[in-house]
Protein backbone atom coordinates (compact mmCIF):
# COMPACT_ATOMS: atom_id res chain seq x y z
CA MET A 1 -59.28 -72.96 53.84
CA SER A 2 -58.08 -69.88 55.75
CA LEU A 3 -59.68 -66.54 54.97
CA ILE A 4 -58.08 -63.36 53.63
CA LEU A 5 -59.12 -59.70 53.59
CA LYS A 6 -60.85 -58.85 50.33
CA PRO A 7 -58.27 -56.90 48.26
CA GLY A 8 -58.99 -53.18 48.03
CA THR A 9 -61.19 -53.11 51.14
CA ALA A 10 -58.59 -52.34 53.84
CA TRP A 11 -59.17 -49.35 56.10
CA HIS A 12 -56.22 -47.48 54.61
CA ASP A 13 -57.78 -47.95 51.16
CA ALA A 14 -61.06 -46.45 52.38
CA TYR A 15 -59.42 -43.53 54.13
CA ALA A 16 -57.19 -42.75 51.15
CA ALA A 17 -60.31 -42.67 48.97
CA CYS A 18 -61.88 -40.14 51.35
CA VAL A 19 -58.80 -37.91 51.19
CA SER A 20 -58.92 -38.11 47.41
CA ALA A 21 -62.66 -37.44 47.14
CA VAL A 22 -63.01 -34.56 49.65
CA PRO A 23 -59.54 -33.41 50.76
CA GLU A 24 -61.05 -30.36 52.45
CA ALA A 25 -62.63 -32.64 55.10
CA PHE A 26 -59.97 -35.34 55.47
CA HIS A 27 -56.31 -34.74 56.17
CA ASP A 28 -53.73 -37.50 56.20
CA ASP A 29 -53.73 -37.55 59.99
CA ARG A 30 -57.32 -36.66 60.97
CA VAL A 31 -60.88 -35.80 59.99
CA LEU A 32 -62.15 -32.26 60.49
CA ASN A 33 -65.19 -30.53 61.97
CA HIS A 34 -67.32 -28.25 59.80
CA TRP A 35 -68.77 -25.03 61.14
CA GLY A 36 -69.00 -21.42 60.13
CA GLY A 37 -69.11 -22.57 56.51
CA LEU A 38 -65.56 -23.98 56.71
CA TRP A 39 -63.79 -27.23 57.51
CA GLN A 40 -61.94 -26.55 60.74
CA ARG A 41 -58.76 -28.20 62.02
CA ASP A 42 -59.77 -27.92 65.65
CA GLY A 43 -60.76 -30.17 68.51
CA ARG A 44 -58.82 -33.03 70.07
CA PRO A 45 -58.63 -36.06 67.74
CA ALA A 46 -59.59 -39.10 69.79
CA PRO A 47 -57.88 -42.40 68.92
CA ASP A 48 -60.24 -45.15 67.82
CA VAL A 49 -60.16 -48.73 66.61
CA SER A 50 -62.48 -50.66 64.33
CA PRO A 51 -64.72 -53.21 66.03
CA VAL A 52 -64.13 -55.45 63.00
CA ASP A 53 -60.59 -56.49 63.94
CA GLY A 54 -59.01 -53.82 66.12
CA THR A 55 -57.51 -51.84 63.22
CA ALA A 56 -56.69 -48.24 64.16
CA ILE A 57 -59.16 -45.89 62.43
CA ALA A 58 -60.03 -42.19 62.47
CA GLY A 59 -61.59 -40.95 65.68
CA PRO A 60 -63.79 -37.89 66.30
CA PRO A 61 -62.09 -34.48 66.72
CA ARG A 62 -63.68 -33.44 70.03
CA LEU A 63 -64.55 -29.78 70.53
CA ASP A 64 -64.69 -27.90 73.81
CA ARG A 65 -67.78 -26.09 75.07
CA SER A 66 -66.86 -22.62 73.85
CA THR A 67 -66.04 -23.77 70.31
CA ALA A 68 -69.31 -25.71 70.15
CA ALA A 69 -71.16 -22.51 71.06
CA ARG A 70 -69.37 -20.65 68.25
CA ALA A 71 -70.32 -23.44 65.84
CA VAL A 72 -73.99 -23.07 66.77
CA ARG A 73 -73.82 -19.30 66.23
CA GLY A 74 -72.33 -19.95 62.80
CA SER A 75 -75.23 -22.25 61.99
CA VAL A 76 -77.69 -19.55 63.06
CA ASP A 77 -76.12 -17.18 60.55
CA GLU A 78 -76.42 -19.81 57.79
CA HIS A 79 -80.03 -20.46 58.78
CA ARG A 80 -81.00 -16.83 58.33
CA GLU A 81 -79.87 -16.97 54.71
CA TRP A 82 -80.97 -20.51 53.82
CA ARG A 83 -84.55 -20.19 55.08
CA HIS A 84 -85.22 -17.50 52.46
CA LEU A 85 -83.92 -19.46 49.46
CA PRO A 86 -86.66 -20.50 47.00
CA LEU A 87 -87.84 -24.08 47.39
CA ALA A 88 -86.82 -24.84 43.81
CA THR A 89 -83.23 -23.90 44.67
CA ARG A 90 -83.23 -26.07 47.78
CA LYS A 91 -84.62 -29.01 45.81
CA ALA A 92 -81.97 -28.66 43.10
CA ARG A 93 -79.17 -28.60 45.65
CA VAL A 94 -80.48 -31.60 47.57
CA ARG A 95 -80.85 -33.54 44.30
CA ALA A 96 -77.21 -32.78 43.54
CA VAL A 97 -76.22 -34.12 46.97
CA LEU A 98 -78.18 -37.32 46.37
CA ASP A 99 -76.41 -37.79 43.05
CA ALA A 100 -73.05 -37.35 44.81
CA LEU A 101 -73.99 -39.84 47.55
CA THR A 102 -75.01 -42.34 44.87
CA GLU A 103 -71.67 -41.86 43.11
CA HIS A 104 -69.80 -42.58 46.37
CA ARG A 105 -72.15 -45.33 47.57
CA ASP A 106 -69.53 -48.08 47.79
CA LEU A 107 -67.07 -45.90 49.71
CA LEU A 108 -69.75 -44.81 52.18
CA SER A 109 -70.70 -48.47 52.64
CA LEU A 110 -67.11 -49.57 53.17
CA LEU A 111 -66.69 -46.90 55.86
CA LEU A 112 -69.79 -48.25 57.61
CA VAL A 113 -68.26 -51.74 57.58
CA TRP A 114 -65.04 -50.58 59.22
CA GLU A 115 -66.48 -48.02 61.62
CA ILE A 116 -69.56 -49.77 62.98
CA GLY A 117 -69.15 -53.36 61.81
CA LYS A 118 -72.06 -53.68 59.40
CA PRO A 119 -71.91 -56.55 56.90
CA TRP A 120 -71.78 -55.32 53.31
CA ARG A 121 -75.44 -56.08 52.55
CA LEU A 122 -76.65 -54.02 55.50
CA ALA A 123 -74.12 -51.22 54.94
CA THR A 124 -75.24 -50.67 51.35
CA ALA A 125 -78.87 -50.86 52.46
CA ASP A 126 -78.22 -48.03 54.94
CA VAL A 127 -76.84 -45.78 52.19
CA ASP A 128 -79.56 -46.74 49.71
CA ARG A 129 -82.39 -46.08 52.18
CA CYS A 130 -81.01 -42.61 52.82
CA VAL A 131 -80.80 -41.73 49.14
CA GLU A 132 -84.09 -43.31 48.08
CA GLY A 133 -85.97 -41.90 51.07
CA VAL A 134 -84.80 -38.33 50.50
CA ARG A 135 -85.53 -38.56 46.76
CA TRP A 136 -89.14 -39.29 47.72
CA TYR A 137 -89.23 -36.16 49.88
CA VAL A 138 -87.79 -34.03 47.05
CA GLU A 139 -90.75 -35.09 44.91
CA GLU A 140 -93.34 -34.60 47.68
CA ILE A 141 -91.98 -31.54 49.49
CA ASP A 142 -94.08 -28.89 47.68
CA ARG A 143 -97.36 -30.05 49.18
CA MET A 144 -95.75 -30.67 52.58
CA VAL A 145 -94.48 -27.11 53.03
CA ALA A 146 -97.50 -25.34 51.50
CA GLY A 147 -98.55 -22.64 53.93
CA ARG A 148 -95.63 -23.42 56.26
CA THR A 149 -92.33 -21.69 57.03
CA PRO A 150 -88.96 -22.91 58.30
CA LEU A 151 -88.21 -22.81 62.02
CA PRO A 152 -86.78 -19.61 63.55
CA GLY A 153 -83.46 -21.36 64.20
CA PRO A 154 -81.45 -24.38 63.03
CA VAL A 155 -82.23 -28.00 63.86
CA SER A 156 -79.78 -29.74 66.21
CA ASN A 157 -79.35 -33.49 65.62
CA ILE A 158 -77.90 -35.97 68.10
CA ALA A 159 -78.13 -39.61 67.08
CA SER A 160 -76.68 -43.00 67.98
CA TRP A 161 -73.98 -44.59 65.85
CA ASN A 162 -75.91 -47.46 64.27
CA TYR A 163 -77.61 -45.73 61.30
CA PRO A 164 -75.59 -42.64 60.33
CA MET A 165 -77.00 -42.59 56.80
CA SER A 166 -80.60 -43.84 56.78
CA VAL A 167 -81.51 -42.14 60.08
CA LEU A 168 -79.17 -39.19 60.74
CA MET A 169 -78.14 -38.03 57.24
CA HIS A 170 -81.64 -38.73 55.94
CA ALA A 171 -83.17 -36.48 58.61
CA MET A 172 -80.63 -33.72 58.01
CA LEU A 173 -81.28 -33.63 54.26
CA VAL A 174 -85.05 -33.45 54.78
CA GLN A 175 -84.58 -30.69 57.35
CA THR A 176 -82.51 -28.63 54.90
CA LEU A 177 -85.02 -29.31 52.15
CA ALA A 178 -87.70 -27.86 54.44
CA GLY A 179 -85.69 -24.66 54.78
CA ASN A 180 -83.53 -25.12 57.88
CA ALA A 181 -79.83 -25.07 58.56
CA VAL A 182 -78.81 -28.19 60.45
CA ILE A 183 -76.29 -29.17 63.08
CA ALA A 184 -75.13 -32.74 63.67
CA LYS A 185 -73.05 -34.21 66.45
CA SER A 186 -70.84 -37.03 65.18
CA PRO A 187 -71.77 -40.22 67.06
CA THR A 188 -69.15 -40.83 69.74
CA ASP A 189 -68.99 -44.60 69.23
CA GLY A 190 -68.49 -44.78 65.47
CA GLY A 191 -69.36 -43.51 62.02
CA VAL A 192 -67.44 -40.23 62.04
CA ALA A 193 -65.68 -40.82 58.68
CA CYS A 194 -68.85 -41.96 56.91
CA LEU A 195 -70.81 -38.98 58.21
CA THR A 196 -67.96 -36.59 57.41
CA LEU A 197 -67.79 -37.83 53.81
CA ALA A 198 -71.56 -37.48 53.40
CA CYS A 199 -71.57 -33.98 54.91
CA ALA A 200 -68.60 -32.91 52.76
CA LEU A 201 -70.49 -33.95 49.63
CA ALA A 202 -73.49 -31.97 50.89
CA THR A 203 -71.58 -28.80 51.78
CA ARG A 204 -69.95 -28.82 48.34
CA GLU A 205 -73.47 -28.29 46.97
CA GLY A 206 -74.05 -25.39 49.35
CA LEU A 207 -76.15 -27.09 52.03
CA PRO A 208 -75.96 -25.34 55.45
CA ILE A 209 -74.60 -28.25 57.50
CA THR A 210 -72.60 -27.92 60.71
CA LEU A 211 -70.79 -31.11 61.83
CA VAL A 212 -69.09 -31.24 65.22
CA SER A 213 -67.70 -33.92 67.52
CA GLY A 214 -67.41 -34.10 71.28
CA GLY A 215 -68.76 -35.43 74.52
CA GLY A 216 -72.20 -34.74 75.87
CA ALA A 217 -70.99 -32.63 78.78
CA GLU A 218 -69.11 -30.28 76.47
CA LEU A 219 -71.64 -30.07 73.63
CA SER A 220 -75.03 -30.32 75.33
CA PRO A 221 -75.19 -26.69 76.52
CA ALA A 222 -74.87 -25.56 72.89
CA LEU A 223 -76.59 -28.41 71.01
CA VAL A 224 -79.51 -28.94 73.41
CA ARG A 225 -80.05 -25.72 75.36
CA GLY A 226 -78.68 -23.19 72.87
CA SER A 227 -81.11 -20.28 72.92
CA GLU A 228 -81.22 -19.82 69.14
CA LEU A 229 -81.99 -23.43 68.18
CA GLY A 230 -85.29 -24.13 66.46
CA CYS A 231 -85.59 -27.85 67.28
CA VAL A 232 -83.66 -30.68 68.95
CA SER A 233 -83.80 -34.15 67.40
CA PHE A 234 -82.38 -37.06 69.41
CA VAL A 235 -82.13 -40.80 68.69
CA GLY A 236 -80.57 -42.95 71.38
CA GLY A 237 -80.92 -44.52 74.81
CA ARG A 238 -83.48 -43.76 77.50
CA ASP A 239 -81.04 -42.39 80.07
CA THR A 240 -79.58 -39.76 77.74
CA GLY A 241 -82.98 -39.04 76.22
CA ALA A 242 -84.49 -38.47 79.65
CA GLN A 243 -81.71 -36.01 80.51
CA ILE A 244 -82.36 -34.10 77.28
CA ALA A 245 -86.11 -34.07 77.95
CA VAL A 246 -85.48 -32.54 81.39
CA SER A 247 -83.13 -29.96 79.83
CA LEU A 248 -85.82 -28.94 77.34
CA ALA A 249 -88.72 -28.92 79.80
CA ASP A 250 -88.57 -25.21 80.57
CA LEU A 251 -87.67 -23.99 77.08
CA GLY A 252 -90.85 -24.75 75.12
CA ARG A 253 -88.72 -25.82 72.17
CA ALA A 254 -89.78 -28.21 69.42
CA HIS A 255 -88.23 -31.62 70.01
CA ILE A 256 -88.14 -35.17 68.66
CA LEU A 257 -86.69 -37.67 71.17
CA GLU A 258 -86.63 -41.29 70.00
CA GLN A 259 -85.51 -43.73 72.72
CA GLU A 260 -85.23 -47.46 72.96
CA GLY A 261 -87.81 -49.79 74.45
CA LEU A 262 -88.05 -53.54 74.96
CA ASN A 263 -89.74 -54.56 71.71
CA CYS A 264 -91.58 -57.86 72.21
CA TRP A 265 -92.86 -60.63 69.94
CA GLY A 266 -95.86 -62.47 71.32
CA VAL A 267 -96.89 -65.98 70.21
CA TRP A 268 -100.48 -66.96 71.01
CA GLU A 269 -102.74 -69.61 69.40
CA TYR A 270 -100.38 -69.91 66.44
CA ASP A 271 -99.27 -72.71 64.09
CA ASP A 272 -97.35 -71.34 61.08
CA TRP A 273 -93.96 -72.40 62.42
CA GLY A 274 -92.14 -72.37 59.09
CA LEU A 275 -92.91 -68.67 58.66
CA LEU A 276 -91.92 -67.89 62.23
CA GLU A 277 -88.59 -69.70 61.85
CA ARG A 278 -87.69 -67.49 58.87
CA GLN A 279 -88.80 -64.37 60.73
CA ILE A 280 -86.75 -65.27 63.81
CA ARG A 281 -83.62 -65.72 61.70
CA ALA A 282 -84.17 -62.25 60.19
CA THR A 283 -84.44 -60.63 63.64
CA PHE A 284 -80.69 -61.19 64.10
CA ASP A 285 -79.72 -58.77 61.33
CA TYR A 286 -76.96 -56.45 62.52
CA ALA A 287 -76.80 -58.34 65.84
CA LYS A 288 -80.07 -56.68 66.91
CA GLN A 289 -78.22 -53.34 67.26
CA ARG A 290 -81.18 -51.24 66.21
CA CYS A 291 -84.10 -49.54 67.90
CA THR A 292 -86.66 -51.80 66.22
CA ALA A 293 -84.97 -55.11 67.10
CA TYR A 294 -86.96 -57.88 68.82
CA PRO A 295 -85.01 -59.21 71.84
CA ARG A 296 -87.97 -60.66 73.77
CA PHE A 297 -90.31 -63.50 72.79
CA VAL A 298 -93.42 -64.11 74.92
CA VAL A 299 -94.84 -67.56 74.22
CA GLN A 300 -98.02 -69.39 75.21
CA ARG A 301 -96.97 -72.35 77.38
CA GLU A 302 -98.85 -75.00 75.42
CA LEU A 303 -97.10 -73.84 72.24
CA PHE A 304 -93.61 -73.73 73.72
CA HIS A 305 -92.51 -77.11 72.36
CA ASP A 306 -93.49 -76.11 68.79
CA PHE A 307 -91.95 -72.68 69.25
CA LEU A 308 -88.66 -74.19 70.37
CA ALA A 309 -88.64 -76.53 67.37
CA ALA A 310 -88.77 -73.44 65.13
CA TYR A 311 -86.58 -71.18 67.24
CA LEU A 312 -83.51 -73.34 67.75
CA PRO A 313 -82.87 -74.05 64.03
CA ALA A 314 -83.29 -70.32 63.35
CA ILE A 315 -80.80 -69.13 65.94
CA SER A 316 -78.29 -71.87 65.15
CA SER A 317 -78.28 -70.93 61.46
CA VAL A 318 -77.24 -67.31 62.08
CA ARG A 319 -73.94 -66.41 60.37
CA PHE A 320 -71.49 -63.89 61.81
CA GLY A 321 -67.86 -62.91 61.43
CA HIS A 322 -65.46 -60.52 59.69
CA PRO A 323 -67.55 -58.68 57.07
CA LEU A 324 -64.64 -58.42 54.59
CA ALA A 325 -63.11 -61.91 54.92
CA VAL A 326 -63.15 -64.10 51.79
CA GLU A 327 -61.58 -67.37 50.71
CA ALA A 328 -60.14 -66.06 47.44
CA PRO A 329 -59.47 -62.54 46.10
CA ASP A 330 -62.23 -62.68 43.49
CA ASP A 331 -64.89 -64.03 45.86
CA PRO A 332 -67.87 -61.79 46.65
CA LEU A 333 -68.14 -60.44 50.18
CA PRO A 334 -69.80 -62.91 52.56
CA GLU A 335 -73.52 -63.00 53.25
CA LEU A 336 -73.54 -62.49 57.01
CA ASP A 337 -76.31 -61.71 59.47
CA PHE A 338 -73.95 -59.60 61.54
CA GLY A 339 -70.35 -58.72 62.26
CA PRO A 340 -69.01 -57.38 65.56
CA LEU A 341 -70.81 -55.38 68.21
CA ILE A 342 -69.97 -51.69 68.32
CA ASN A 343 -66.93 -52.30 70.55
CA ASP A 344 -65.28 -54.82 72.85
CA ALA A 345 -66.66 -53.07 75.95
CA LYS A 346 -70.22 -53.77 74.76
CA ALA A 347 -69.35 -57.41 74.11
CA LYS A 348 -67.99 -57.74 77.66
CA GLU A 349 -71.03 -55.97 79.11
CA LEU A 350 -73.35 -58.41 77.36
CA ALA A 351 -71.28 -61.42 78.45
CA ASP A 352 -71.48 -60.23 82.06
CA GLN A 353 -75.24 -59.73 81.81
CA VAL A 354 -75.74 -63.19 80.32
CA ASP A 355 -73.57 -64.82 82.98
CA GLY A 356 -75.39 -62.92 85.71
CA ALA A 357 -78.84 -63.86 84.37
CA ILE A 358 -77.92 -67.55 84.18
CA ALA A 359 -76.33 -67.53 87.63
CA ALA A 360 -79.56 -66.02 89.02
CA GLY A 361 -81.73 -68.78 87.54
CA GLY A 362 -82.23 -68.01 83.85
CA VAL A 363 -82.16 -71.11 81.64
CA PRO A 364 -79.62 -71.03 78.76
CA LEU A 365 -81.60 -72.42 75.83
CA TYR A 366 -78.86 -71.63 73.35
CA ARG A 367 -75.36 -70.22 73.70
CA GLY A 368 -73.25 -69.88 70.59
CA SER A 369 -69.48 -69.78 70.50
CA PRO A 370 -67.15 -67.24 68.87
CA THR A 371 -65.52 -70.19 67.10
CA ASP A 372 -68.72 -70.46 65.04
CA GLY A 373 -67.80 -67.21 63.25
CA ARG A 374 -65.84 -66.58 60.04
CA PHE A 375 -62.58 -64.86 60.93
CA LEU A 376 -59.17 -64.06 59.53
CA PRO A 377 -56.26 -65.99 61.03
CA ASP A 378 -55.25 -64.57 64.44
CA GLN A 379 -57.56 -61.56 64.17
CA ASP A 380 -58.84 -59.67 67.20
CA ILE A 381 -62.38 -60.94 67.91
CA SER A 382 -62.92 -59.15 71.23
CA ALA A 383 -65.91 -57.18 69.88
CA TYR A 384 -67.76 -60.25 68.59
CA PHE A 385 -70.58 -61.93 70.47
CA ALA A 386 -72.27 -65.17 69.44
CA PRO A 387 -76.08 -65.48 69.72
CA VAL A 388 -77.59 -66.38 73.10
CA ALA A 389 -81.12 -67.25 74.18
CA ILE A 390 -82.23 -67.33 77.84
CA LEU A 391 -85.52 -68.75 79.08
CA ALA A 392 -87.17 -67.02 82.05
CA PRO A 393 -84.68 -64.20 82.68
CA PRO A 394 -84.65 -63.29 86.39
CA ARG A 395 -86.38 -60.04 87.29
CA ALA A 396 -83.22 -58.66 88.87
CA SER A 397 -81.34 -58.95 85.57
CA PRO A 398 -81.08 -56.00 83.15
CA LEU A 399 -82.06 -58.51 80.46
CA PHE A 400 -85.53 -58.75 82.00
CA HIS A 401 -86.55 -55.12 81.57
CA ALA A 402 -84.11 -53.45 79.16
CA GLU A 403 -83.07 -53.81 75.52
CA PRO A 404 -79.67 -55.58 75.36
CA PHE A 405 -78.69 -54.04 71.99
CA GLY A 406 -76.94 -57.23 70.96
CA PRO A 407 -77.72 -60.80 69.77
CA VAL A 408 -79.29 -61.88 73.07
CA ASP A 409 -82.88 -63.11 73.20
CA THR A 410 -84.94 -63.66 76.31
CA ILE A 411 -88.01 -65.89 76.26
CA VAL A 412 -90.91 -65.73 78.70
CA VAL A 413 -93.60 -68.44 78.88
CA VAL A 414 -97.16 -67.42 79.85
CA ASP A 415 -100.51 -69.12 80.45
CA THR A 416 -103.11 -66.38 80.00
CA GLU A 417 -103.74 -63.40 77.76
CA ALA A 418 -103.29 -61.11 80.75
CA GLU A 419 -99.85 -62.58 81.41
CA LEU A 420 -98.96 -62.23 77.73
CA LEU A 421 -99.83 -58.53 77.73
CA ALA A 422 -98.07 -57.86 81.03
CA ALA A 423 -94.89 -59.48 79.75
CA MET A 424 -95.04 -57.58 76.45
CA ASN A 425 -95.48 -54.28 78.28
CA ALA A 426 -92.56 -54.78 80.65
CA SER A 427 -90.63 -51.66 79.64
CA ASN A 428 -93.42 -49.04 79.80
CA GLY A 429 -93.59 -48.35 76.12
CA ALA A 430 -91.82 -49.53 73.00
CA LEU A 431 -91.43 -48.55 69.37
CA VAL A 432 -92.61 -51.81 67.77
CA ALA A 433 -94.11 -55.17 68.69
CA THR A 434 -95.56 -58.20 66.93
CA ILE A 435 -98.35 -60.68 67.69
CA SER A 436 -98.14 -64.08 65.95
CA CYS A 437 -101.66 -65.47 66.17
CA GLY A 438 -103.73 -67.63 63.83
CA GLU A 439 -107.00 -65.83 64.56
CA GLU A 440 -106.94 -62.28 63.21
CA ALA A 441 -109.67 -60.97 65.50
CA THR A 442 -107.81 -62.23 68.57
CA ALA A 443 -104.53 -60.83 67.27
CA ARG A 444 -106.00 -57.37 66.72
CA ARG A 445 -107.67 -57.37 70.13
CA LEU A 446 -104.36 -58.23 71.80
CA ALA A 447 -102.45 -55.76 69.65
CA GLY A 448 -104.68 -52.96 70.89
CA GLU A 449 -103.44 -53.60 74.43
CA VAL A 450 -99.72 -53.66 73.63
CA ARG A 451 -97.84 -50.48 74.57
CA ALA A 452 -95.93 -50.14 71.30
CA PHE A 453 -96.40 -47.55 68.59
CA LYS A 454 -96.47 -50.10 65.75
CA VAL A 455 -97.79 -53.62 66.28
CA GLY A 456 -97.44 -56.17 63.51
CA ILE A 457 -99.86 -59.04 63.01
CA ASN A 458 -97.84 -62.13 62.01
CA ARG A 459 -95.05 -59.91 60.71
CA PRO A 460 -92.34 -57.66 62.16
CA ARG A 461 -92.58 -53.89 62.11
CA SER A 462 -89.80 -51.43 61.36
CA ARG A 463 -89.06 -47.74 61.53
CA GLY A 464 -90.46 -47.36 58.03
CA ASP A 465 -89.67 -45.16 55.08
CA LYS A 466 -91.14 -42.31 53.09
CA GLU A 467 -94.82 -41.80 53.91
CA GLU A 468 -94.90 -44.10 56.95
CA LEU A 469 -95.52 -42.48 60.35
CA PHE A 470 -93.16 -43.29 63.21
CA GLY A 471 -93.20 -42.64 66.94
CA GLY A 472 -93.26 -44.40 70.28
CA LEU A 473 -95.42 -44.88 73.34
CA GLY A 474 -94.58 -44.36 77.00
CA SER A 475 -90.90 -43.88 77.76
CA SER A 476 -89.77 -44.79 74.24
CA TRP A 477 -90.56 -41.35 72.79
CA HIS A 478 -90.93 -37.69 73.73
CA GLY A 479 -92.09 -34.88 71.49
CA ALA A 480 -93.39 -34.78 67.93
CA PHE A 481 -93.92 -37.90 65.85
CA VAL A 482 -92.17 -38.08 62.50
CA GLY A 483 -92.31 -39.90 59.17
CA GLY A 484 -94.00 -38.88 55.96
CA GLU A 485 -95.48 -35.40 56.14
CA LEU A 486 -94.93 -35.25 59.91
CA LEU A 487 -91.15 -35.35 59.44
CA VAL A 488 -91.47 -32.04 57.56
CA ARG A 489 -94.13 -30.57 59.83
CA ALA A 490 -91.93 -31.27 62.87
CA VAL A 491 -89.26 -28.91 61.50
CA THR A 492 -91.51 -26.20 60.05
CA GLN A 493 -94.12 -23.82 61.42
CA GLY A 494 -97.79 -23.76 60.53
CA PRO A 495 -100.51 -21.19 61.03
CA GLY A 496 -101.68 -20.37 64.53
CA ASP A 497 -100.77 -22.37 67.62
CA GLU A 498 -100.61 -25.73 65.89
CA ARG A 499 -99.86 -28.73 68.13
CA LEU A 500 -98.25 -31.56 66.19
CA PRO A 501 -99.19 -35.17 66.87
CA GLY A 502 -96.75 -36.68 69.31
CA ASN A 503 -96.07 -38.36 72.62
CA PHE A 504 -96.87 -35.38 74.81
CA PRO A 505 -98.73 -35.54 78.13
CA GLY A 506 -102.39 -35.92 77.28
CA TYR A 507 -101.70 -36.14 73.55
CA ILE A 508 -101.15 -39.68 72.28
CA LEU A 509 -101.86 -40.54 68.67
CA GLN A 510 -102.48 -44.24 68.10
CA PRO A 511 -101.09 -45.58 64.80
């Protein structure tokens, strides 16, 4: 049976709902920036298409350098007023925003599907994690800010496109709760409508949020090096993060720079293959387009046969395709592991890397086909990429040392513990790692030598929620650690010359 688009879920339906819900932020022909306390019809609207099927969607209205500087000055003015509001007032306003986000949950989720290709289950989870996480902070904030004051200037947020709600919007709401005005750069690659809707609901409740779009060259002087900023928070790739770190080096400014690393899963003296098969299947959620994905498995040679017997059924059972395609109008949306990659250029980049790795000697253990996906008749599938697994990636390949940010696994076979640790530490620091090992003492000894901030024993690790600390080791993180109370402490000031825990030279806090 051929598939159809679920009625009521088309992009034009979602955009019309945005115009109806917050007309001040969405016009018929474009989304707006928000600065100086107003929604501004400025910038150059950039055309964009959905990775889902090539549908034309709203693109970011890009500002020039001088307008970005004016937007930052407007945020500074808002900060001077907001930081003196009573905490009870800030809590009441943030609660009202959370209620509004909950009311518009399905629309926010649908925008995430169209803009960044998340299947419905993962899109709703992104919205829910934002709301539930910030509600926890509203209840806990009194003790967290006791004896502390807001920063002297607003917090500037630059984040990747993949989690606009549970990472970016979540951080912004906590930052405002702590007494700061906030600035956010709309992710260039997707999510502008979702973030605009969320920010419009927040500004209606009086939150001091500035939302601007543009390229790094135009916005970085204002959003990174602006003299009146209180903190810079960045989530993204190592190259951009390293440039920001260099820009901040001589400013002495508070910063939180989360960057990707090659997160590895080691298998050593292990035999619970049924559990591992289920865990491997789950690692393909959202096509591994997240900072805590596991794209590298390091396996003891004598266990490789058993590992392969668990791995191949897991990867071959992964389901992908159009997130809104159904067989009949009343059918529920499909249960998919992932939809498209963020765009067709990323899909081509990954295909070229896979071809290059195989041509240089890597062994293709598994290579799925786009025809395995669930698609509408004659739809554009240029942004889709079927799962791939490569044994022994060549050292010259980017797949050997860098995170692919797509459904591509590399597998390395080792003979000794030293080789296991060397392979797991290939990228000089990561956010998470896992050791699957039947002997807990051995697992914990090995985990202590892995250069990742969080190391799971027989289970994956994630960014975490609420009270859980998060950071990175080596090149995967610069600046203050966050999570729980540290997320608030990173954007407030304490007594004296307090040095927050973080990945600073000579200051590494082990989890």
